[in-house]
PDB file of N, CA and C in Angstrom:
ATOM      1  N   MET A   1       4.848   2.542  10.803  1.00  0.00           N
ATOM      2  CA  MET A   1       4.511   1.766   9.643  1.00  0.00           C
ATOM      3  C   MET A   1       3.823   0.490  10.103  1.00  0.00           C
ATOM      4  N   ARG A   2       2.810   0.085   9.387  1.00  0.00           N
ATOM      5  CA  ARG A   2       2.049  -1.110   9.747  1.00  0.00           C
ATOM      6  C   ARG A   2       2.298  -2.193   8.720  1.00  0.00           C
ATOM      7  N   LEU A   3       2.698  -3.363   9.180  1.00  0.00           N
ATOM      8  CA  LEU A   3       2.903  -4.493   8.284  1.00  0.00           C
ATOM      9  C   LEU A   3       1.571  -5.189   8.029  1.00  0.00           C
ATOM     10  N   VAL A   4       1.403  -5.670   6.828  1.00  0.00           N
ATOM     11  CA  VAL A   4       0.185  -6.377   6.450  1.00  0.00           C
ATOM     12  C   VAL A   4       0.534  -7.843   6.264  1.00  0.00           C
ATOM     13  N   THR A   5      -0.199  -8.704   6.931  1.00  0.00           N
ATOM     14  CA  THR A   5       0.081 -10.133   6.834  1.00  0.00           C
ATOM     15  C   THR A   5      -0.549 -10.711   5.569  1.00  0.00           C
ATOM     16  N   ARG A   6      -0.110 -11.885   5.195  1.00  0.00           N
ATOM     17  CA  ARG A   6      -0.676 -12.525   4.003  1.00  0.00           C
ATOM     18  C   ARG A   6      -2.142 -12.876   4.222  1.00  0.00           C
ATOM     19  N   PHE A   7      -2.544 -13.093   5.470  1.00  0.00           N
ATOM     20  CA  PHE A   7      -3.946 -13.392   5.757  1.00  0.00           C
ATOM     21  C   PHE A   7      -4.818 -12.156   5.555  1.00  0.00           C
ATOM     22  N   GLU A   8      -4.295 -10.997   5.937  1.00  0.00           N
ATOM     23  CA  GLU A   8      -5.032  -9.755   5.698  1.00  0.00           C
ATOM     24  C   GLU A   8      -5.137  -9.481   4.205  1.00  0.00           C
ATOM     25  N   LEU A   9      -4.063  -9.733   3.472  1.00  0.00           N
ATOM     26  CA  LEU A   9      -4.099  -9.537   2.023  1.00  0.00           C
ATOM     27  C   LEU A   9      -5.077 -10.494   1.358  1.00  0.00           C
ATOM     28  N   ALA A  10      -5.151 -11.715   1.846  1.00  0.00           N
ATOM     29  CA  ALA A  10      -6.061 -12.704   1.265  1.00  0.00           C
ATOM     30  C   ALA A  10      -7.523 -12.292   1.440  1.00  0.00           C
ATOM     31  N   ALA A  11      -7.794 -11.479   2.450  1.00  0.00           N
ATOM     32  CA  ALA A  11      -9.164 -11.040   2.709  1.00  0.00           C
ATOM     33  C   ALA A  11      -9.569  -9.838   1.854  1.00  0.00           C
ATOM     34  N   LYS A  12      -8.613  -9.220   1.154  1.00  0.00           N
ATOM     35  CA  LYS A  12      -8.903  -8.034   0.340  1.00  0.00           C
ATOM     36  C   LYS A  12      -9.394  -8.442  -1.040  1.00  0.00           C
ATOM     37  N   ASN A  13     -10.208  -7.576  -1.638  1.00  0.00           N
ATOM     38  CA  ASN A  13     -10.635  -7.854  -3.002  1.00  0.00           C
ATOM     39  C   ASN A  13      -9.583  -7.322  -3.985  1.00  0.00           C
ATOM     40  N   GLU A  14      -9.772  -7.615  -5.243  1.00  0.00           N
ATOM     41  CA  GLU A  14      -8.761  -7.296  -6.250  1.00  0.00           C
ATOM     42  C   GLU A  14      -8.513  -5.792  -6.384  1.00  0.00           C
ATOM     43  N   SER A  15      -9.549  -4.984  -6.291  1.00  0.00           N
ATOM     44  CA  SER A  15      -9.363  -3.537  -6.433  1.00  0.00           C
ATOM     45  C   SER A  15      -8.582  -2.951  -5.249  1.00  0.00           C
ATOM     46  N   GLU A  16      -8.807  -3.484  -4.049  1.00  0.00           N
ATOM     47  CA  GLU A  16      -8.044  -3.019  -2.880  1.00  0.00           C
ATOM     48  C   GLU A  16      -6.567  -3.400  -3.017  1.00  0.00           C
ATOM     49  N   LEU A  17      -6.303  -4.616  -3.496  1.00  0.00           N
ATOM     50  CA  LEU A  17      -4.916  -5.045  -3.703  1.00  0.00           C
ATOM     51  C   LEU A  17      -4.230  -4.186  -4.760  1.00  0.00           C
ATOM     52  N   HIS A  18      -4.959  -3.862  -5.809  1.00  0.00           N
ATOM     53  CA  HIS A  18      -4.405  -3.006  -6.862  1.00  0.00           C
ATOM     54  C   HIS A  18      -4.060  -1.629  -6.297  1.00  0.00           C
ATOM     55  N   GLY A  19      -4.909  -1.110  -5.426  1.00  0.00           N
ATOM     56  CA  GLY A  19      -4.647   0.179  -4.796  1.00  0.00           C
ATOM     57  C   GLY A  19      -3.397   0.158  -3.932  1.00  0.00           C
ATOM     58  N   TYR A  20      -3.215  -0.923  -3.154  1.00  0.00           N
ATOM     59  CA  TYR A  20      -1.996  -1.063  -2.348  1.00  0.00           C
ATOM     60  C   TYR A  20      -0.762  -1.076  -3.242  1.00  0.00           C
ATOM     61  N   LEU A  21      -0.819  -1.855  -4.314  1.00  0.00           N
ATOM     62  CA  LEU A  21       0.310  -1.970  -5.215  1.00  0.00           C
ATOM     63  C   LEU A  21       0.623  -0.639  -5.883  1.00  0.00           C
ATOM     64  N   ARG A  22      -0.403   0.073  -6.334  1.00  0.00           N
ATOM     65  CA  ARG A  22      -0.217   1.369  -6.992  1.00  0.00           C
ATOM     66  C   ARG A  22       0.414   2.376  -6.030  1.00  0.00           C
ATOM     67  N   ASN A  23      -0.089   2.440  -4.801  1.00  0.00           N
ATOM     68  CA  ASN A  23       0.456   3.385  -3.819  1.00  0.00           C
ATOM     69  C   ASN A  23       1.910   3.062  -3.478  1.00  0.00           C
ATOM     70  N   ALA A  24       2.212   1.782  -3.315  1.00  0.00           N
ATOM     71  CA  ALA A  24       3.584   1.385  -3.000  1.00  0.00           C
ATOM     72  C   ALA A  24       4.515   1.701  -4.159  1.00  0.00           C
ATOM     73  N   PHE A  25       4.093   1.402  -5.375  1.00  0.00           N
ATOM     74  CA  PHE A  25       4.930   1.685  -6.541  1.00  0.00           C
ATOM     75  C   PHE A  25       5.196   3.177  -6.677  1.00  0.00           C
ATOM     76  N   ASN A  26       4.149   3.985  -6.554  1.00  0.00           N
ATOM     77  CA  ASN A  26       4.317   5.438  -6.683  1.00  0.00           C
ATOM     78  C   ASN A  26       5.249   5.987  -5.601  1.00  0.00           C
ATOM     79  N   ALA A  27       5.119   5.482  -4.395  1.00  0.00           N
ATOM     80  CA  ALA A  27       5.955   5.969  -3.300  1.00  0.00           C
ATOM     81  C   ALA A  27       7.415   5.572  -3.514  1.00  0.00           C
ATOM     82  N   TYR A  28       7.640   4.328  -3.882  1.00  0.00           N
ATOM     83  CA  TYR A  28       9.019   3.870  -4.056  1.00  0.00           C
ATOM     84  C   TYR A  28       9.670   4.445  -5.306  1.00  0.00           C
ATOM     85  N   SER A  29       8.879   4.846  -6.275  1.00  0.00           N
ATOM     86  CA  SER A  29       9.448   5.422  -7.489  1.00  0.00           C
ATOM     87  C   SER A  29       9.849   6.881  -7.268  1.00  0.00           C
ATOM     88  N   GLY A  30       9.582   7.391  -6.071  1.00  0.00           N
ATOM     89  CA  GLY A  30       9.999   8.748  -5.734  1.00  0.00           C
ATOM     90  C   GLY A  30       8.985   9.806  -6.102  1.00  0.00           C
ATOM     91  N   GLU A  31       7.802   9.383  -6.530  1.00  0.00           N
ATOM     92  CA  GLU A  31       6.789  10.348  -6.939  1.00  0.00           C
ATOM     93  C   GLU A  31       6.350  11.221  -5.775  1.00  0.00           C
ATOM     94  N   ASP A  32       6.085  10.579  -4.636  1.00  0.00           N
ATOM     95  CA  ASP A  32       5.617  11.341  -3.481  1.00  0.00           C
ATOM     96  C   ASP A  32       5.928  10.564  -2.205  1.00  0.00           C
ATOM     97  N   GLU A  33       6.998  10.928  -1.534  1.00  0.00           N
ATOM     98  CA  GLU A  33       7.403  10.219  -0.326  1.00  0.00           C
ATOM     99  C   GLU A  33       6.367  10.376   0.780  1.00  0.00           C
ATOM    100  N   HIS A  34       5.756  11.562   0.871  1.00  0.00           N
ATOM    101  CA  HIS A  34       4.741  11.789   1.891  1.00  0.00           C
ATOM    102  C   HIS A  34       3.544  10.870   1.678  1.00  0.00           C
ATOM    103  N   LEU A  35       3.161  10.629   0.426  1.00  0.00           N
ATOM    104  CA  LEU A  35       2.053   9.732   0.115  1.00  0.00           C
ATOM    105  C   LEU A  35       2.327   8.346   0.665  1.00  0.00           C
ATOM    106  N   PHE A  36       3.548   7.860   0.513  1.00  0.00           N
ATOM    107  CA  PHE A  36       3.898   6.539   1.009  1.00  0.00           C
ATOM    108  C   PHE A  36       3.751   6.474   2.524  1.00  0.00           C
ATOM    109  N   ARG A  37       4.288   7.449   3.211  1.00  0.00           N
ATOM    110  CA  ARG A  37       4.214   7.443   4.674  1.00  0.00           C
ATOM    111  C   ARG A  37       2.770   7.538   5.146  1.00  0.00           C
ATOM    112  N   THR A  38       1.958   8.342   4.467  1.00  0.00           N
ATOM    113  CA  THR A  38       0.565   8.501   4.854  1.00  0.00           C
ATOM    114  C   THR A  38      -0.216   7.217   4.657  1.00  0.00           C
ATOM    115  N   ASN A  39      -0.066   6.559   3.508  1.00  0.00           N
ATOM    116  CA  ASN A  39      -0.836   5.363   3.211  1.00  0.00           C
ATOM    117  C   ASN A  39      -0.378   4.161   4.015  1.00  0.00           C
ATOM    118  N   VAL A  40       0.887   4.063   4.283  1.00  0.00           N
ATOM    119  CA  VAL A  40       1.397   2.927   5.035  1.00  0.00           C
ATOM    120  C   VAL A  40       0.968   3.008   6.494  1.00  0.00           C
ATOM    121  N   ASN A  41       0.867   4.206   7.017  1.00  0.00           N
ATOM    122  CA  ASN A  41       0.518   4.375   8.428  1.00  0.00           C
ATOM    123  C   ASN A  41      -0.976   4.309   8.688  1.00  0.00           C
ATOM    124  N   THR A  42      -1.789   4.163   7.663  1.00  0.00           N
ATOM    125  CA  THR A  42      -3.241   4.100   7.876  1.00  0.00           C
ATOM    126  C   THR A  42      -3.690   2.701   8.142  1.00  0.00           C
TER     127      THR A  42
END
């Protein structure tokens, strides 16, 4: 798993941040555990 620093987040645009939030929410809500592991490790 790769941690993202606040400086890396500050460099992202709004659509990229929305994508991170959507993927994290879907993974933690139990929709697709594999999706969470795949996206976090990229």
